[in-house]
Amino acid sequence: MRDDSETETGGDPTPRSRQRPPRRERPINVSAERLWAVSLRYLQRFSASVEMLRRVLDRRLHPALAAELISPAEAEARREAVLQRAAALGYLDDQRFTEGRVAALLRQGKSPRVIVETLRAKGIAPASVTAVLAVTASEAEEDIALTAARAFARRRRLGPYRTKASDDPRQHDKDLATLLRAGHGFGISKQVLNYYKDNEDYLTENDMDTD
């Protein structure tokens, strides 16, 4: 009797599909020790605010909560215990985080308004960001909004920082629009683009650095 799996020409039997064994689900481990290990690994890789780490822990706890392996009250208690431990050891410090991120974002050319919104998304209250910006402004040699706009123009090679002259008569307006879309004020954007037009003697090597 011919095997139905063979072809009419006597070829090799048609391979039968193999059923994969059921996937073994990994146990959900949300013990205090595991949550602490997850937190340390995250904090070793990223500078974080308290709220950022809270969100990481919430994502870790969610499957266990959905499976009713832990009560909401116990999940909250474990999460807050980890946050308090990290803060007590100096791994979490919202003030230090805010100061560091404000300085970094200003160097990147972000406007104060964008900085407030960026850090709000990371759980930092706008008032706290504004306070750090105010201290930074008091210690700066010029308006930090102007400094940030210049840094942005330098990074994007706009206006006086363009390395190659443009023949487009609308280039100035395009550069202005780019600065405005990035959150920089109209007056400051105009100042950045026009500052060196009649003041070429003030164009320093540092200003022309496009790295």
C-alpha atoms as a PDB file:
ATOM      1  CA  MET A   1       0.000   0.000   0.000  1.00  0.00           C
ATOM      2  CA  ARG A   2       1.429   3.349  -1.096  1.00  0.00           C
ATOM      3  CA  ASP A   3       2.091   5.980   1.532  1.00  0.00           C
ATOM      4  CA  ASP A   4      -0.132   8.984   0.796  1.00  0.00           C
ATOM      5  CA  SER A   5       2.725  11.231   1.763  1.00  0.00           C
ATOM      6  CA  GLU A   6       4.767  10.070  -1.246  1.00  0.00           C
ATOM      7  CA  THR A   7       4.496  11.861  -4.566  1.00  0.00           C
ATOM      8  CA  GLU A   8       3.074  10.082  -7.582  1.00  0.00           C
ATOM      9  CA  THR A   9       6.525  10.026  -9.148  1.00  0.00           C
ATOM     10  CA  GLY A  10       7.952   8.190  -6.182  1.00  0.00           C
ATOM     11  CA  GLY A  11       9.641  11.228  -4.677  1.00  0.00           C
ATOM     12  CA  ASP A  12      10.474  11.809  -1.073  1.00  0.00           C
ATOM     13  CA  PRO A  13       7.625  11.854   1.388  1.00  0.00           C
ATOM     14  CA  THR A  14       6.093  15.256   1.978  1.00  0.00           C
ATOM     15  CA  PRO A  15       7.483  16.567   5.269  1.00  0.00           C
ATOM     16  CA  ARG A  16       4.851  16.766   7.922  1.00  0.00           C
ATOM     17  CA  SER A  17       4.488  19.940   9.904  1.00  0.00           C
ATOM     18  CA  ARG A  18       5.921  19.676  13.374  1.00  0.00           C
ATOM     19  CA  GLN A  19       3.991  20.999  16.275  1.00  0.00           C
ATOM     20  CA  ARG A  20       6.115  23.099  18.539  1.00  0.00           C
ATOM     21  CA  PRO A  21       5.837  22.301  22.197  1.00  0.00           C
ATOM     22  CA  PRO A  22       3.841  24.874  24.140  1.00  0.00           C
ATOM     23  CA  ARG A  23       5.939  27.823  25.156  1.00  0.00           C
ATOM     24  CA  ARG A  24       6.837  27.759  28.802  1.00  0.00           C
ATOM     25  CA  GLU A  25       6.006  31.065  30.382  1.00  0.00           C
ATOM     26  CA  ARG A  26       8.715  32.518  32.549  1.00  0.00           C
ATOM     27  CA  PRO A  27       7.552  33.102  36.095  1.00  0.00           C
ATOM     28  CA  ILE A  28       6.811  36.718  36.905  1.00  0.00           C
ATOM     29  CA  ASN A  29       9.331  37.780  39.503  1.00  0.00           C
ATOM     30  CA  VAL A  30       8.484  41.021  41.260  1.00  0.00           C
ATOM     31  CA  SER A  31      10.164  40.309  44.540  1.00  0.00           C
ATOM     32  CA  ALA A  32      11.738  43.224  46.373  1.00  0.00           C
ATOM     33  CA  GLU A  33      15.198  41.898  45.451  1.00  0.00           C
ATOM     34  CA  ARG A  34      14.288  41.627  41.776  1.00  0.00           C
ATOM     35  CA  LEU A  35      12.801  45.118  41.632  1.00  0.00           C
ATOM     36  CA  TRP A  36      15.944  46.506  43.234  1.00  0.00           C
ATOM     37  CA  ALA A  37      18.154  44.689  40.714  1.00  0.00           C
ATOM     38  CA  VAL A  38      16.051  46.064  37.830  1.00  0.00           C
ATOM     39  CA  SER A  39      16.372  49.567  39.269  1.00  0.00           C
ATOM     40  CA  LEU A  40      20.141  49.361  39.653  1.00  0.00           C
ATOM     41  CA  ARG A  41      20.563  48.139  36.094  1.00  0.00           C
ATOM     42  CA  TYR A  42      18.430  51.014  34.806  1.00  0.00           C
ATOM     43  CA  LEU A  43      20.208  53.661  36.893  1.00  0.00           C
ATOM     44  CA  GLN A  44      23.603  52.398  35.729  1.00  0.00           C
ATOM     45  CA  ARG A  45      22.565  53.111  32.143  1.00  0.00           C
ATOM     46  CA  PHE A  46      20.516  56.280  32.488  1.00  0.00           C
ATOM     47  CA  SER A  47      20.329  59.469  34.492  1.00  0.00           C
ATOM     48  CA  ALA A  48      16.785  59.411  35.825  1.00  0.00           C
ATOM     49  CA  SER A  49      14.264  61.330  37.852  1.00  0.00           C
ATOM     50  CA  VAL A  50      12.169  59.709  40.566  1.00  0.00           C
ATOM     51  CA  GLU A  51       9.183  59.637  38.214  1.00  0.00           C
ATOM     52  CA  MET A  52      11.166  57.977  35.435  1.00  0.00           C
ATOM     53  CA  LEU A  53      12.215  55.104  37.700  1.00  0.00           C
ATOM     54  CA  ARG A  54       8.663  54.875  39.065  1.00  0.00           C
ATOM     55  CA  ARG A  55       7.413  54.287  35.519  1.00  0.00           C
ATOM     56  CA  VAL A  56      10.041  51.587  34.955  1.00  0.00           C
ATOM     57  CA  LEU A  57       8.924  49.779  38.099  1.00  0.00           C
ATOM     58  CA  ASP A  58       5.252  50.150  37.194  1.00  0.00           C
ATOM     59  CA  ARG A  59       5.897  48.466  33.839  1.00  0.00           C
ATOM     60  CA  ARG A  60       7.674  45.673  35.659  1.00  0.00           C
ATOM     61  CA  LEU A  61       4.827  45.241  38.136  1.00  0.00           C
ATOM     62  CA  HIS A  62       1.993  45.450  35.613  1.00  0.00           C
ATOM     63  CA  PRO A  63       2.054  41.780  34.424  1.00  0.00           C
ATOM     64  CA  ALA A  64       1.996  40.557  38.018  1.00  0.00           C
ATOM     65  CA  LEU A  65      -0.898  42.868  38.825  1.00  0.00           C
ATOM     66  CA  ALA A  66      -2.793  41.738  35.721  1.00  0.00           C
ATOM     67  CA  ALA A  67      -2.281  38.101  36.721  1.00  0.00           C
ATOM     68  CA  GLU A  68      -3.387  38.942  40.273  1.00  0.00           C
ATOM     69  CA  LEU A  69      -0.137  37.608  41.679  1.00  0.00           C
ATOM     70  CA  ILE A  70       0.243  40.697  43.812  1.00  0.00           C
ATOM     71  CA  SER A  71      -2.222  43.200  45.226  1.00  0.00           C
ATOM     72  CA  PRO A  72      -2.159  46.855  44.165  1.00  0.00           C
ATOM     73  CA  ALA A  73      -1.305  47.861  47.733  1.00  0.00           C
ATOM     74  CA  GLU A  74       1.653  45.485  47.898  1.00  0.00           C
ATOM     75  CA  ALA A  75       2.867  46.568  44.443  1.00  0.00           C
ATOM     76  CA  GLU A  76       2.798  50.214  45.518  1.00  0.00           C
ATOM     77  CA  ALA A  77       4.592  49.416  48.764  1.00  0.00           C
ATOM     78  CA  ARG A  78       7.398  47.558  46.993  1.00  0.00           C
ATOM     79  CA  ARG A  79       7.759  50.262  44.357  1.00  0.00           C
ATOM     80  CA  GLU A  80       7.930  53.102  46.879  1.00  0.00           C
ATOM     81  CA  ALA A  81      10.385  51.165  49.039  1.00  0.00           C
ATOM     82  CA  VAL A  82      12.736  50.848  46.061  1.00  0.00           C
ATOM     83  CA  LEU A  83      12.408  54.553  45.235  1.00  0.00           C
ATOM     84  CA  GLN A  84      13.123  55.566  48.808  1.00  0.00           C
ATOM     85  CA  ARG A  85      16.135  53.252  48.986  1.00  0.00           C
ATOM     86  CA  ALA A  86      17.547  54.625  45.736  1.00  0.00           C
ATOM     87  CA  ALA A  87      17.057  58.207  46.925  1.00  0.00           C
ATOM     88  CA  ALA A  88      18.631  57.478  50.322  1.00  0.00           C
ATOM     89  CA  LEU A  89      21.725  56.067  48.609  1.00  0.00           C
ATOM     90  CA  GLY A  90      21.993  59.114  46.339  1.00  0.00           C
ATOM     91  CA  TYR A  91      21.074  57.258  43.150  1.00  0.00           C
ATOM     92  CA  LEU A  92      17.995  59.440  42.691  1.00  0.00           C
ATOM     93  CA  ASP A  93      18.050  63.209  43.129  1.00  0.00           C
ATOM     94  CA  ASP A  94      15.543  65.269  41.174  1.00  0.00           C
ATOM     95  CA  GLN A  95      17.383  68.533  41.851  1.00  0.00           C
ATOM     96  CA  ARG A  96      20.672  67.148  40.558  1.00  0.00           C
ATOM     97  CA  PHE A  97      18.889  65.533  37.617  1.00  0.00           C
ATOM     98  CA  THR A  98      17.159  68.805  36.715  1.00  0.00           C
ATOM     99  CA  GLU A  99      20.361  70.853  36.914  1.00  0.00           C
ATOM    100  CA  GLY A 100      22.228  68.377  34.735  1.00  0.00           C
ATOM    101  CA  ARG A 101      19.507  68.104  32.115  1.00  0.00           C
ATOM    102  CA  VAL A 102      18.949  71.865  31.946  1.00  0.00           C
ATOM    103  CA  ALA A 103      22.668  72.434  31.317  1.00  0.00           C
ATOM    104  CA  ALA A 104      22.802  69.676  28.695  1.00  0.00           C
ATOM    105  CA  LEU A 105      19.692  70.867  26.876  1.00  0.00           C
ATOM    106  CA  LEU A 106      20.924  74.461  26.809  1.00  0.00           C
ATOM    107  CA  ARG A 107      24.182  73.262  25.241  1.00  0.00           C
ATOM    108  CA  GLN A 108      22.112  71.461  22.626  1.00  0.00           C
ATOM    109  CA  GLY A 109      20.394  74.741  21.786  1.00  0.00           C
ATOM    110  CA  LYS A 110      17.008  73.952  23.316  1.00  0.00           C
ATOM    111  CA  SER A 111      14.956  76.985  24.273  1.00  0.00           C
ATOM    112  CA  PRO A 112      13.870  77.479  27.899  1.00  0.00           C
ATOM    113  CA  ARG A 113      10.256  76.786  26.907  1.00  0.00           C
ATOM    114  CA  VAL A 114      11.193  73.493  25.274  1.00  0.00           C
ATOM    115  CA  ILE A 115      13.350  72.581  28.272  1.00  0.00           C
ATOM    116  CA  VAL A 116      10.403  73.089  30.640  1.00  0.00           C
ATOM    117  CA  GLU A 117       8.173  70.864  28.504  1.00  0.00           C
ATOM    118  CA  THR A 118      10.876  68.228  28.029  1.00  0.00           C
ATOM    119  CA  LEU A 119      11.466  67.875  31.750  1.00  0.00           C
ATOM    120  CA  ARG A 120       7.760  68.026  32.546  1.00  0.00           C
ATOM    121  CA  ALA A 121       7.440  64.830  30.488  1.00  0.00           C
ATOM    122  CA  LYS A 122      10.071  63.268  32.759  1.00  0.00           C
ATOM    123  CA  GLY A 123       8.136  64.088  35.889  1.00  0.00           C
ATOM    124  CA  ILE A 124       9.846  67.331  36.894  1.00  0.00           C
ATOM    125  CA  ALA A 125       7.517  70.148  37.913  1.00  0.00           C
ATOM    126  CA  PRO A 126       7.747  73.234  35.662  1.00  0.00           C
ATOM    127  CA  ALA A 127       8.373  75.417  38.733  1.00  0.00           C
ATOM    128  CA  SER A 128      11.467  73.365  39.575  1.00  0.00           C
ATOM    129  CA  VAL A 129      12.807  73.693  36.025  1.00  0.00           C
ATOM    130  CA  THR A 130      12.087  77.420  35.966  1.00  0.00           C
ATOM    131  CA  ALA A 131      13.978  77.836  39.233  1.00  0.00           C
ATOM    132  CA  VAL A 132      17.049  76.081  37.829  1.00  0.00           C
ATOM    133  CA  LEU A 133      16.820  78.176  34.653  1.00  0.00           C
ATOM    134  CA  ALA A 134      16.678  81.332  36.784  1.00  0.00           C
ATOM    135  CA  VAL A 135      19.819  80.366  38.701  1.00  0.00           C
ATOM    136  CA  THR A 136      21.569  79.485  35.448  1.00  0.00           C
ATOM    137  CA  ALA A 137      20.553  82.839  33.966  1.00  0.00           C
ATOM    138  CA  SER A 138      21.869  84.733  36.991  1.00  0.00           C
ATOM    139  CA  GLU A 139      25.258  83.073  36.600  1.00  0.00           C
ATOM    140  CA  ALA A 140      25.467  83.465  32.817  1.00  0.00           C
ATOM    141  CA  GLU A 141      27.230  86.278  31.008  1.00  0.00           C
ATOM    142  CA  GLU A 142      24.302  86.794  28.647  1.00  0.00           C
ATOM    143  CA  ASP A 143      20.650  85.860  28.262  1.00  0.00           C
ATOM    144  CA  ILE A 144      20.495  82.049  28.348  1.00  0.00           C
ATOM    145  CA  ALA A 145      17.695  82.085  25.762  1.00  0.00           C
ATOM    146  CA  LEU A 146      20.021  83.927  23.389  1.00  0.00           C
ATOM    147  CA  THR A 147      22.880  81.546  24.178  1.00  0.00           C
ATOM    148  CA  ALA A 148      20.634  78.552  23.488  1.00  0.00           C
ATOM    149  CA  ALA A 149      19.417  80.030  20.206  1.00  0.00           C
ATOM    150  CA  ARG A 150      22.989  80.637  19.109  1.00  0.00           C
ATOM    151  CA  ALA A 151      23.932  77.077  20.023  1.00  0.00           C
ATOM    152  CA  PHE A 152      20.999  75.795  17.986  1.00  0.00           C
ATOM    153  CA  ALA A 153      21.893  77.979  14.999  1.00  0.00           C
ATOM    154  CA  ARG A 154      25.498  76.806  15.234  1.00  0.00           C
ATOM    155  CA  ARG A 155      24.507  73.133  15.321  1.00  0.00           C
ATOM    156  CA  ARG A 156      22.143  73.559  12.378  1.00  0.00           C
ATOM    157  CA  ARG A 157      24.484  75.936  10.513  1.00  0.00           C
ATOM    158  CA  LEU A 158      21.908  78.682  10.207  1.00  0.00           C
ATOM    159  CA  GLY A 159      22.484  82.328   9.348  1.00  0.00           C
ATOM    160  CA  PRO A 160      25.997  83.492  10.273  1.00  0.00           C
ATOM    161  CA  TYR A 161      27.033  79.909  11.051  1.00  0.00           C
ATOM    162  CA  ARG A 162      26.396  78.646   7.532  1.00  0.00           C
ATOM    163  CA  THR A 163      29.641  77.310   6.074  1.00  0.00           C
ATOM    164  CA  LYS A 164      28.511  77.823   2.480  1.00  0.00           C
ATOM    165  CA  ALA A 165      26.722  80.892   1.150  1.00  0.00           C
ATOM    166  CA  SER A 166      23.181  80.350  -0.082  1.00  0.00           C
ATOM    167  CA  ASP A 167      21.783  81.871  -3.286  1.00  0.00           C
ATOM    168  CA  ASP A 168      18.214  81.438  -2.069  1.00  0.00           C
ATOM    169  CA  PRO A 169      16.714  84.893  -1.379  1.00  0.00           C
ATOM    170  CA  ARG A 170      14.336  83.228   1.075  1.00  0.00           C
ATOM    171  CA  GLN A 171      17.108  81.586   3.091  1.00  0.00           C
ATOM    172  CA  HIS A 172      16.902  84.117   5.909  1.00  0.00           C
ATOM    173  CA  ASP A 173      13.169  83.497   6.309  1.00  0.00           C
ATOM    174  CA  LYS A 174      13.722  79.733   6.219  1.00  0.00           C
ATOM    175  CA  ASP A 175      16.380  79.972   8.918  1.00  0.00           C
ATOM    176  CA  LEU A 176      14.065  82.134  11.003  1.00  0.00           C
ATOM    177  CA  ALA A 177      11.260  79.598  10.626  1.00  0.00           C
ATOM    178  CA  THR A 178      13.604  76.813  11.723  1.00  0.00           C
ATOM    179  CA  LEU A 179      14.498  78.674  14.892  1.00  0.00           C
ATOM    180  CA  LEU A 180      10.867  79.456  15.641  1.00  0.00           C
ATOM    181  CA  ARG A 181       9.802  75.833  15.172  1.00  0.00           C
ATOM    182  CA  ALA A 182      12.491  74.849  17.658  1.00  0.00           C
ATOM    183  CA  GLY A 183      10.801  77.031  20.271  1.00  0.00           C
ATOM    184  CA  HIS A 184      13.073  80.075  20.190  1.00  0.00           C
ATOM    185  CA  GLY A 185      11.430  83.476  20.467  1.00  0.00           C
ATOM    186  CA  PHE A 186      10.982  85.708  17.427  1.00  0.00           C
ATOM    187  CA  GLY A 187      13.092  88.581  18.751  1.00  0.00           C
ATOM    188  CA  ILE A 188      15.938  86.339  19.841  1.00  0.00           C
ATOM    189  CA  SER A 189      15.834  84.401  16.578  1.00  0.00           C
ATOM    190  CA  LYS A 190      16.095  87.637  14.595  1.00  0.00           C
ATOM    191  CA  GLN A 191      18.950  88.764  16.827  1.00  0.00           C
ATOM    192  CA  VAL A 192      20.883  85.542  16.246  1.00  0.00           C
ATOM    193  CA  LEU A 193      20.459  85.679  12.483  1.00  0.00           C
ATOM    194  CA  ASN A 194      21.214  89.407  12.130  1.00  0.00           C
ATOM    195  CA  TYR A 195      23.766  90.007  14.867  1.00  0.00           C
ATOM    196  CA  TYR A 196      26.847  89.679  12.707  1.00  0.00           C
ATOM    197  CA  LYS A 197      25.458  91.326   9.613  1.00  0.00           C
ATOM    198  CA  ASP A 198      27.102  94.651  10.497  1.00  0.00           C
ATOM    199  CA  ASN A 199      29.427  93.384  13.220  1.00  0.00           C
ATOM    200  CA  GLU A 200      31.828  90.991  11.496  1.00  0.00           C
ATOM    201  CA  ASP A 201      34.630  92.013  13.873  1.00  0.00           C
ATOM    202  CA  TYR A 202      32.757  90.222  16.666  1.00  0.00           C
ATOM    203  CA  LEU A 203      32.682  86.880  14.864  1.00  0.00           C
ATOM    204  CA  THR A 204      35.107  84.800  16.903  1.00  0.00           C
ATOM    205  CA  GLU A 205      36.597  81.396  16.193  1.00  0.00           C
ATOM    206  CA  ASN A 206      34.435  79.997  18.986  1.00  0.00           C
ATOM    207  CA  ASP A 207      31.317  81.308  17.257  1.00  0.00           C
ATOM    208  CA  MET A 208      32.313  79.626  14.021  1.00  0.00           C
ATOM    209  CA  ASP A 209      32.949  76.254  15.671  1.00  0.00           C
ATOM    210  CA  THR A 210      30.452  73.872  14.096  1.00  0.00           C
ATOM    211  CA  ASP A 211      31.464  70.677  15.870  1.00  0.00           C
END
